[in-house]
Amino acid sequence: MDWKQSLILFLSAVAGTLGFALLFRIRKRLVGWALLGGTLTVAVYIICIHFFEHAFFQNLLPALAATLFSELLARLTKSPATQYITCSIIPLVPGGALYYTMYYFVTGDMPQFRAALTQTARTAAGLAVGIICVSVFVHLLNFHKFKIDTETE
């Protein structure tokens, strides 16, 4: 991917993140933070494209970064992490790949369908695993903190 493609990807991801932040009616004072999450995510994604060939890893690390950013920001702004995760992950959602997967299925091109399905599944799995890993870790930290707080009382 050359720098022009990276720039187009980056700008379209920022615009898409802003659009979804407005669509989800995030409070005006938090829209900038949601935009920063999408920006961070796509920046990590562009870096990962250069280091990894497998779609799973190209999406795992940006999903980890987006979820970690969202969880930290949720604590700082005292608002739900879900709104930040949703906006941050939007640039990574494999919409085009999913479209072509279904297109090949409907047209009966099974070899192309299998290839597109595999690629879409790897992308979705990378996103899911990244989100789940950080979310479980944060949940365990909160549970451990709650357990320590109740034992000291």
N, C-alpha and C. Protein backbone atom coordinates (compact mmCIF):
# COMPACT_ATOMS: atom_id res chain seq x y z
N MET A 1 0.85 -1.17 0.00
CA MET A 1 0.00 0.00 0.00
C MET A 1 0.90 1.24 0.00
N ASP A 2 0.72 2.10 -0.99
CA ASP A 2 1.54 3.30 -1.06
C ASP A 2 0.94 4.41 -0.18
N TRP A 3 1.61 5.53 -0.12
CA TRP A 3 1.20 6.59 0.79
C TRP A 3 -0.12 7.22 0.38
N LYS A 4 -0.44 7.26 -0.92
CA LYS A 4 -1.71 7.83 -1.38
C LYS A 4 -2.88 6.97 -0.92
N GLN A 5 -2.73 5.66 -1.07
CA GLN A 5 -3.78 4.75 -0.61
C GLN A 5 -3.94 4.83 0.90
N SER A 6 -2.83 4.94 1.61
CA SER A 6 -2.88 5.06 3.07
C SER A 6 -3.59 6.35 3.47
N LEU A 7 -3.31 7.43 2.78
CA LEU A 7 -3.94 8.71 3.08
C LEU A 7 -5.44 8.66 2.80
N ILE A 8 -5.82 8.06 1.68
CA ILE A 8 -7.25 7.92 1.36
C ILE A 8 -7.94 7.06 2.40
N LEU A 9 -7.31 5.96 2.78
CA LEU A 9 -7.87 5.09 3.81
C LEU A 9 -8.02 5.83 5.12
N PHE A 10 -7.01 6.58 5.49
CA PHE A 10 -7.02 7.33 6.74
C PHE A 10 -8.13 8.38 6.75
N LEU A 11 -8.22 9.17 5.69
CA LEU A 11 -9.23 10.23 5.64
C LEU A 11 -10.65 9.68 5.57
N SER A 12 -10.84 8.62 4.82
CA SER A 12 -12.19 8.03 4.76
C SER A 12 -12.57 7.38 6.08
N ALA A 13 -11.59 6.82 6.79
CA ALA A 13 -11.88 6.25 8.11
C ALA A 13 -12.25 7.33 9.11
N VAL A 14 -11.56 8.44 9.07
CA VAL A 14 -11.89 9.56 9.96
C VAL A 14 -13.29 10.09 9.66
N ALA A 15 -13.61 10.24 8.38
CA ALA A 15 -14.94 10.71 7.99
C ALA A 15 -16.02 9.70 8.41
N GLY A 16 -15.75 8.42 8.22
CA GLY A 16 -16.70 7.39 8.63
C GLY A 16 -16.90 7.36 10.13
N THR A 17 -15.82 7.53 10.87
CA THR A 17 -15.93 7.55 12.33
C THR A 17 -16.76 8.74 12.78
N LEU A 18 -16.53 9.89 12.19
CA LEU A 18 -17.31 11.09 12.53
C LEU A 18 -18.78 10.86 12.20
N GLY A 19 -19.05 10.28 11.05
CA GLY A 19 -20.43 10.01 10.67
C GLY A 19 -21.14 9.08 11.66
N PHE A 20 -20.46 8.03 12.07
CA PHE A 20 -21.08 7.11 13.02
C PHE A 20 -21.20 7.72 14.41
N ALA A 21 -20.26 8.57 14.79
CA ALA A 21 -20.37 9.25 16.08
C ALA A 21 -21.61 10.15 16.09
N LEU A 22 -21.85 10.82 14.99
CA LEU A 22 -23.05 11.66 14.90
C LEU A 22 -24.31 10.81 14.80
N LEU A 23 -24.24 9.71 14.08
CA LEU A 23 -25.39 8.81 13.96
C LEU A 23 -25.77 8.21 15.31
N PHE A 24 -24.78 7.86 16.12
CA PHE A 24 -25.05 7.29 17.44
C PHE A 24 -25.36 8.35 18.49
N ARG A 25 -25.38 9.60 18.06
CA ARG A 25 -25.73 10.74 18.93
C ARG A 25 -24.86 10.81 20.18
N ILE A 26 -23.58 10.67 19.95
CA ILE A 26 -22.63 10.84 21.06
C ILE A 26 -22.64 12.32 21.44
N ARG A 27 -22.57 12.57 22.74
CA ARG A 27 -22.59 13.96 23.21
C ARG A 27 -21.50 14.77 22.51
N LYS A 28 -21.82 16.03 22.25
CA LYS A 28 -20.92 16.88 21.46
C LYS A 28 -19.53 16.98 22.06
N ARG A 29 -19.44 17.01 23.38
CA ARG A 29 -18.12 17.14 24.00
C ARG A 29 -17.29 15.86 23.89
N LEU A 30 -17.93 14.74 23.53
CA LEU A 30 -17.23 13.46 23.41
C LEU A 30 -16.96 13.03 21.98
N VAL A 31 -17.50 13.78 21.01
CA VAL A 31 -17.31 13.42 19.61
C VAL A 31 -15.83 13.45 19.23
N GLY A 32 -15.10 14.43 19.72
CA GLY A 32 -13.67 14.52 19.43
C GLY A 32 -12.91 13.31 19.92
N TRP A 33 -13.28 12.81 21.10
CA TRP A 33 -12.62 11.62 21.65
C TRP A 33 -12.93 10.39 20.80
N ALA A 34 -14.19 10.28 20.37
CA ALA A 34 -14.57 9.16 19.50
C ALA A 34 -13.81 9.22 18.18
N LEU A 35 -13.64 10.43 17.66
CA LEU A 35 -12.89 10.63 16.43
C LEU A 35 -11.42 10.26 16.62
N LEU A 36 -10.88 10.59 17.76
CA LEU A 36 -9.50 10.22 18.07
C LEU A 36 -9.35 8.69 18.12
N GLY A 37 -10.36 8.00 18.65
CA GLY A 37 -10.33 6.53 18.69
C GLY A 37 -10.30 5.93 17.30
N GLY A 38 -11.14 6.44 16.40
CA GLY A 38 -11.13 5.96 15.02
C GLY A 38 -9.82 6.26 14.31
N THR A 39 -9.27 7.42 14.60
CA THR A 39 -7.99 7.81 14.02
C THR A 39 -6.87 6.90 14.49
N LEU A 40 -6.85 6.64 15.78
CA LEU A 40 -5.84 5.73 16.35
C LEU A 40 -5.97 4.34 15.74
N THR A 41 -7.18 3.86 15.63
CA THR A 41 -7.42 2.53 15.10
C THR A 41 -6.92 2.39 13.67
N VAL A 42 -7.27 3.34 12.83
CA VAL A 42 -6.86 3.23 11.43
C VAL A 42 -5.36 3.45 11.28
N ALA A 43 -4.76 4.25 12.15
CA ALA A 43 -3.29 4.42 12.10
C ALA A 43 -2.59 3.10 12.44
N VAL A 44 -3.08 2.42 13.48
CA VAL A 44 -2.50 1.12 13.84
C VAL A 44 -2.74 0.11 12.72
N TYR A 45 -3.90 0.16 12.10
CA TYR A 45 -4.22 -0.74 10.99
C TYR A 45 -3.27 -0.53 9.81
N ILE A 46 -3.01 0.72 9.46
CA ILE A 46 -2.11 1.01 8.34
C ILE A 46 -0.71 0.49 8.64
N ILE A 47 -0.27 0.63 9.89
CA ILE A 47 1.04 0.10 10.28
C ILE A 47 1.03 -1.42 10.19
N CYS A 48 -0.03 -2.06 10.66
CA CYS A 48 -0.10 -3.53 10.66
C CYS A 48 -0.15 -4.11 9.26
N ILE A 49 -0.73 -3.39 8.31
CA ILE A 49 -0.77 -3.87 6.94
C ILE A 49 0.65 -4.07 6.40
N HIS A 50 1.57 -3.22 6.82
CA HIS A 50 2.94 -3.31 6.33
C HIS A 50 3.74 -4.43 6.99
N PHE A 51 3.31 -4.87 8.18
CA PHE A 51 4.06 -5.89 8.91
C PHE A 51 3.45 -7.29 8.85
N PHE A 52 2.15 -7.38 8.62
CA PHE A 52 1.47 -8.68 8.62
C PHE A 52 0.75 -8.89 7.29
N GLU A 53 0.79 -10.13 6.81
CA GLU A 53 0.06 -10.46 5.59
C GLU A 53 -1.29 -11.08 5.88
N HIS A 54 -1.45 -11.64 7.06
CA HIS A 54 -2.67 -12.34 7.44
C HIS A 54 -3.71 -11.35 7.97
N ALA A 55 -4.93 -11.44 7.46
CA ALA A 55 -6.00 -10.50 7.83
C ALA A 55 -6.32 -10.56 9.32
N PHE A 56 -6.14 -11.72 9.94
CA PHE A 56 -6.43 -11.85 11.37
C PHE A 56 -5.54 -10.89 12.18
N PHE A 57 -4.25 -10.92 11.92
CA PHE A 57 -3.32 -10.07 12.67
C PHE A 57 -3.40 -8.61 12.25
N GLN A 58 -3.76 -8.36 11.00
CA GLN A 58 -3.94 -6.99 10.55
C GLN A 58 -5.09 -6.30 11.30
N ASN A 59 -6.04 -7.08 11.79
CA ASN A 59 -7.19 -6.52 12.50
C ASN A 59 -7.14 -6.74 14.00
N LEU A 60 -6.37 -7.72 14.45
CA LEU A 60 -6.27 -8.00 15.88
C LEU A 60 -5.64 -6.83 16.65
N LEU A 61 -4.49 -6.38 16.20
CA LEU A 61 -3.79 -5.31 16.92
C LEU A 61 -4.56 -3.99 16.91
N PRO A 62 -5.16 -3.57 15.80
CA PRO A 62 -5.98 -2.36 15.86
C PRO A 62 -7.20 -2.52 16.78
N ALA A 63 -7.79 -3.71 16.80
CA ALA A 63 -8.93 -3.94 17.70
C ALA A 63 -8.48 -3.88 19.16
N LEU A 64 -7.31 -4.43 19.46
CA LEU A 64 -6.76 -4.32 20.82
C LEU A 64 -6.55 -2.86 21.20
N ALA A 65 -5.95 -2.10 20.29
CA ALA A 65 -5.68 -0.68 20.55
C ALA A 65 -6.98 0.10 20.72
N ALA A 66 -7.96 -0.16 19.86
CA ALA A 66 -9.23 0.55 19.93
C ALA A 66 -9.97 0.25 21.23
N THR A 67 -9.98 -1.00 21.63
CA THR A 67 -10.69 -1.38 22.85
C THR A 67 -9.99 -0.86 24.09
N LEU A 68 -8.68 -0.93 24.11
CA LEU A 68 -7.93 -0.38 25.24
C LEU A 68 -8.15 1.12 25.35
N PHE A 69 -8.07 1.82 24.23
CA PHE A 69 -8.34 3.25 24.21
C PHE A 69 -9.75 3.54 24.71
N SER A 70 -10.72 2.76 24.26
CA SER A 70 -12.11 2.97 24.64
C SER A 70 -12.35 2.73 26.13
N GLU A 71 -11.74 1.69 26.65
CA GLU A 71 -11.90 1.40 28.08
C GLU A 71 -11.26 2.48 28.95
N LEU A 72 -10.07 2.93 28.55
CA LEU A 72 -9.41 4.00 29.30
C LEU A 72 -10.20 5.30 29.22
N LEU A 73 -10.67 5.62 28.05
CA LEU A 73 -11.43 6.85 27.86
C LEU A 73 -12.77 6.80 28.59
N ALA A 74 -13.37 5.64 28.65
CA ALA A 74 -14.63 5.50 29.37
C ALA A 74 -14.44 5.82 30.86
N ARG A 75 -13.32 5.41 31.41
CA ARG A 75 -13.03 5.72 32.83
C ARG A 75 -12.79 7.21 33.02
N LEU A 76 -12.07 7.81 32.07
CA LEU A 76 -11.75 9.24 32.19
C LEU A 76 -12.96 10.14 32.01
N THR A 77 -13.84 9.79 31.07
CA THR A 77 -15.00 10.64 30.77
C THR A 77 -16.26 10.20 31.50
N LYS A 78 -16.17 9.10 32.24
CA LYS A 78 -17.32 8.55 32.97
C LYS A 78 -18.54 8.34 32.05
N SER A 79 -18.26 7.69 30.95
CA SER A 79 -19.30 7.34 29.99
C SER A 79 -19.05 5.92 29.51
N PRO A 80 -20.05 5.29 28.89
CA PRO A 80 -19.89 3.89 28.49
C PRO A 80 -18.79 3.68 27.45
N ALA A 81 -18.06 2.61 27.62
CA ALA A 81 -17.00 2.28 26.67
C ALA A 81 -17.57 1.83 25.33
N THR A 82 -18.78 1.34 25.33
CA THR A 82 -19.40 0.82 24.11
C THR A 82 -19.46 1.87 23.01
N GLN A 83 -19.78 3.10 23.38
CA GLN A 83 -19.88 4.14 22.35
C GLN A 83 -18.53 4.42 21.71
N TYR A 84 -17.47 4.35 22.48
CA TYR A 84 -16.15 4.57 21.92
C TYR A 84 -15.67 3.38 21.10
N ILE A 85 -15.95 2.17 21.59
CA ILE A 85 -15.53 0.97 20.86
C ILE A 85 -16.23 0.92 19.50
N THR A 86 -17.52 1.20 19.50
CA THR A 86 -18.29 1.15 18.26
C THR A 86 -17.73 2.11 17.22
N CYS A 87 -17.48 3.34 17.64
CA CYS A 87 -16.95 4.33 16.70
C CYS A 87 -15.52 4.01 16.29
N SER A 88 -14.73 3.47 17.19
CA SER A 88 -13.34 3.17 16.87
C SER A 88 -13.18 1.99 15.93
N ILE A 89 -14.09 1.04 16.03
CA ILE A 89 -14.00 -0.19 15.23
C ILE A 89 -14.60 -0.02 13.83
N ILE A 90 -15.44 0.97 13.65
CA ILE A 90 -16.12 1.18 12.36
C ILE A 90 -15.16 1.16 11.17
N PRO A 91 -13.98 1.80 11.23
CA PRO A 91 -13.10 1.76 10.05
C PRO A 91 -12.61 0.36 9.69
N LEU A 92 -12.69 -0.58 10.62
CA LEU A 92 -12.18 -1.93 10.37
C LEU A 92 -13.24 -2.91 9.90
N VAL A 93 -14.50 -2.54 9.98
CA VAL A 93 -15.58 -3.47 9.62
C VAL A 93 -15.46 -3.84 8.15
N PRO A 94 -15.47 -5.15 7.85
CA PRO A 94 -15.24 -5.60 6.47
C PRO A 94 -16.49 -5.53 5.59
N GLY A 95 -17.02 -4.34 5.38
CA GLY A 95 -18.24 -4.18 4.59
C GLY A 95 -18.09 -4.61 3.15
N GLY A 96 -17.02 -4.16 2.51
CA GLY A 96 -16.79 -4.53 1.12
C GLY A 96 -16.54 -6.02 0.95
N ALA A 97 -15.76 -6.58 1.85
CA ALA A 97 -15.47 -8.02 1.78
C ALA A 97 -16.75 -8.84 1.98
N LEU A 98 -17.59 -8.39 2.89
CA LEU A 98 -18.85 -9.08 3.12
C LEU A 98 -19.77 -8.99 1.90
N TYR A 99 -19.78 -7.82 1.28
CA TYR A 99 -20.57 -7.65 0.06
C TYR A 99 -20.11 -8.61 -1.03
N TYR A 100 -18.81 -8.67 -1.28
CA TYR A 100 -18.31 -9.54 -2.33
C TYR A 100 -18.48 -11.01 -1.97
N THR A 101 -18.40 -11.34 -0.70
CA THR A 101 -18.67 -12.72 -0.29
C THR A 101 -20.09 -13.13 -0.69
N MET A 102 -21.04 -12.28 -0.39
CA MET A 102 -22.43 -12.59 -0.74
C MET A 102 -22.66 -12.53 -2.25
N TYR A 103 -21.98 -11.63 -2.93
CA TYR A 103 -22.10 -11.52 -4.38
C TYR A 103 -21.64 -12.82 -5.05
N TYR A 104 -20.48 -13.32 -4.64
CA TYR A 104 -19.97 -14.56 -5.22
C TYR A 104 -20.88 -15.74 -4.89
N PHE A 105 -21.48 -15.73 -3.73
CA PHE A 105 -22.40 -16.81 -3.36
C PHE A 105 -23.65 -16.77 -4.25
N VAL A 106 -24.22 -15.59 -4.42
CA VAL A 106 -25.44 -15.45 -5.20
C VAL A 106 -25.19 -15.76 -6.68
N THR A 107 -24.03 -15.37 -7.20
CA THR A 107 -23.72 -15.65 -8.60
C THR A 107 -23.24 -17.07 -8.83
N GLY A 108 -22.98 -17.82 -7.77
CA GLY A 108 -22.59 -19.22 -7.90
C GLY A 108 -21.11 -19.43 -8.14
N ASP A 109 -20.30 -18.43 -7.94
CA ASP A 109 -18.85 -18.56 -8.12
C ASP A 109 -18.24 -19.07 -6.80
N MET A 110 -18.32 -20.38 -6.61
CA MET A 110 -17.94 -20.97 -5.32
C MET A 110 -16.45 -20.84 -4.96
N PRO A 111 -15.51 -20.96 -5.89
CA PRO A 111 -14.11 -20.75 -5.49
C PRO A 111 -13.86 -19.32 -4.97
N GLN A 112 -14.41 -18.33 -5.67
CA GLN A 112 -14.27 -16.94 -5.20
C GLN A 112 -15.03 -16.73 -3.89
N PHE A 113 -16.19 -17.37 -3.77
CA PHE A 113 -16.97 -17.27 -2.54
C PHE A 113 -16.17 -17.78 -1.35
N ARG A 114 -15.55 -18.95 -1.49
CA ARG A 114 -14.77 -19.51 -0.38
C ARG A 114 -13.59 -18.62 0.00
N ALA A 115 -12.93 -18.08 -1.01
CA ALA A 115 -11.79 -17.19 -0.74
C ALA A 115 -12.25 -15.92 -0.02
N ALA A 116 -13.33 -15.32 -0.50
CA ALA A 116 -13.84 -14.10 0.12
C ALA A 116 -14.38 -14.38 1.52
N LEU A 117 -15.03 -15.53 1.69
CA LEU A 117 -15.56 -15.90 3.00
C LEU A 117 -14.42 -16.11 4.00
N THR A 118 -13.37 -16.75 3.58
CA THR A 118 -12.22 -16.96 4.46
C THR A 118 -11.61 -15.64 4.89
N GLN A 119 -11.44 -14.73 3.94
CA GLN A 119 -10.87 -13.42 4.25
C GLN A 119 -11.78 -12.64 5.21
N THR A 120 -13.08 -12.65 4.96
CA THR A 120 -14.03 -11.94 5.83
C THR A 120 -14.04 -12.56 7.22
N ALA A 121 -14.00 -13.87 7.29
CA ALA A 121 -14.01 -14.55 8.60
C ALA A 121 -12.73 -14.24 9.38
N ARG A 122 -11.60 -14.18 8.71
CA ARG A 122 -10.35 -13.84 9.40
C ARG A 122 -10.39 -12.42 9.95
N THR A 123 -10.92 -11.52 9.15
CA THR A 123 -11.04 -10.12 9.60
C THR A 123 -11.97 -10.02 10.80
N ALA A 124 -13.13 -10.65 10.71
CA ALA A 124 -14.10 -10.60 11.81
C ALA A 124 -13.54 -11.28 13.06
N ALA A 125 -12.83 -12.38 12.89
CA ALA A 125 -12.24 -13.06 14.04
C ALA A 125 -11.17 -12.19 14.71
N GLY A 126 -10.36 -11.51 13.93
CA GLY A 126 -9.36 -10.61 14.49
C GLY A 126 -9.99 -9.50 15.31
N LEU A 127 -11.07 -8.92 14.79
CA LEU A 127 -11.78 -7.88 15.52
C LEU A 127 -12.38 -8.42 16.81
N ALA A 128 -13.04 -9.56 16.71
CA ALA A 128 -13.71 -10.13 17.88
C ALA A 128 -12.70 -10.52 18.96
N VAL A 129 -11.64 -11.17 18.59
CA VAL A 129 -10.64 -11.60 19.58
C VAL A 129 -9.98 -10.40 20.24
N GLY A 130 -9.67 -9.37 19.46
CA GLY A 130 -9.08 -8.17 20.03
C GLY A 130 -9.98 -7.49 21.04
N ILE A 131 -11.25 -7.35 20.70
CA ILE A 131 -12.21 -6.72 21.61
C ILE A 131 -12.40 -7.57 22.86
N ILE A 132 -12.55 -8.88 22.68
CA ILE A 132 -12.81 -9.77 23.81
C ILE A 132 -11.63 -9.81 24.76
N CYS A 133 -10.41 -9.88 24.24
CA CYS A 133 -9.22 -9.96 25.11
C CYS A 133 -9.13 -8.77 26.05
N VAL A 134 -9.25 -7.57 25.51
CA VAL A 134 -9.15 -6.38 26.36
C VAL A 134 -10.35 -6.27 27.29
N SER A 135 -11.55 -6.56 26.80
CA SER A 135 -12.75 -6.45 27.63
C SER A 135 -12.70 -7.42 28.80
N VAL A 136 -12.26 -8.65 28.56
CA VAL A 136 -12.15 -9.63 29.65
C VAL A 136 -11.09 -9.19 30.65
N PHE A 137 -9.97 -8.70 30.17
CA PHE A 137 -8.90 -8.21 31.05
C PHE A 137 -9.40 -7.07 31.94
N VAL A 138 -10.11 -6.12 31.35
CA VAL A 138 -10.66 -5.00 32.13
C VAL A 138 -11.70 -5.50 33.13
N HIS A 139 -12.53 -6.44 32.71
CA HIS A 139 -13.53 -7.00 33.62
C HIS A 139 -12.85 -7.70 34.80
N LEU A 140 -11.80 -8.46 34.53
CA LEU A 140 -11.08 -9.14 35.61
C LEU A 140 -10.43 -8.14 36.56
N LEU A 141 -9.88 -7.06 36.02
CA LEU A 141 -9.31 -6.03 36.88
C LEU A 141 -10.37 -5.39 37.76
N ASN A 142 -11.52 -5.10 37.18
CA ASN A 142 -12.61 -4.50 37.97
C ASN A 142 -13.11 -5.48 39.02
N PHE A 143 -13.24 -6.74 38.67
CA PHE A 143 -13.70 -7.75 39.62
C PHE A 143 -12.70 -7.90 40.76
N HIS A 144 -11.41 -7.93 40.42
CA HIS A 144 -10.37 -8.07 41.42
C HIS A 144 -10.36 -6.84 42.35
N LYS A 145 -10.53 -5.66 41.79
CA LYS A 145 -10.59 -4.43 42.59
C LYS A 145 -11.79 -4.46 43.51
N PHE A 146 -12.95 -4.89 42.99
CA PHE A 146 -14.16 -4.98 43.79
C PHE A 146 -13.96 -5.99 44.93
N LYS A 147 -13.32 -7.11 44.63
CA LYS A 147 -13.09 -8.15 45.63
C LYS A 147 -12.17 -7.62 46.73
N ILE A 148 -11.12 -6.90 46.37
CA ILE A 148 -10.20 -6.35 47.36
C ILE A 148 -10.90 -5.28 48.20
N ASP A 149 -11.74 -4.44 47.57
CA ASP A 149 -12.45 -3.39 48.30
C ASP A 149 -13.44 -3.97 49.30
N THR A 150 -14.10 -5.07 48.95
CA THR A 150 -15.08 -5.66 49.87
C THR A 150 -14.39 -6.42 50.99
N GLU A 151 -13.18 -6.94 50.76
CA GLU A 151 -12.46 -7.65 51.81
C GLU A 151 -11.88 -6.69 52.84
N THR A 152 -11.56 -5.48 52.46
CA THR A 152 -10.96 -4.53 53.39
C THR A 152 -11.98 -3.86 54.28
N GLU A 153 -13.26 -3.96 53.93
CA GLU A 153 -14.30 -3.30 54.74
C GLU A 153 -14.65 -4.07 55.97
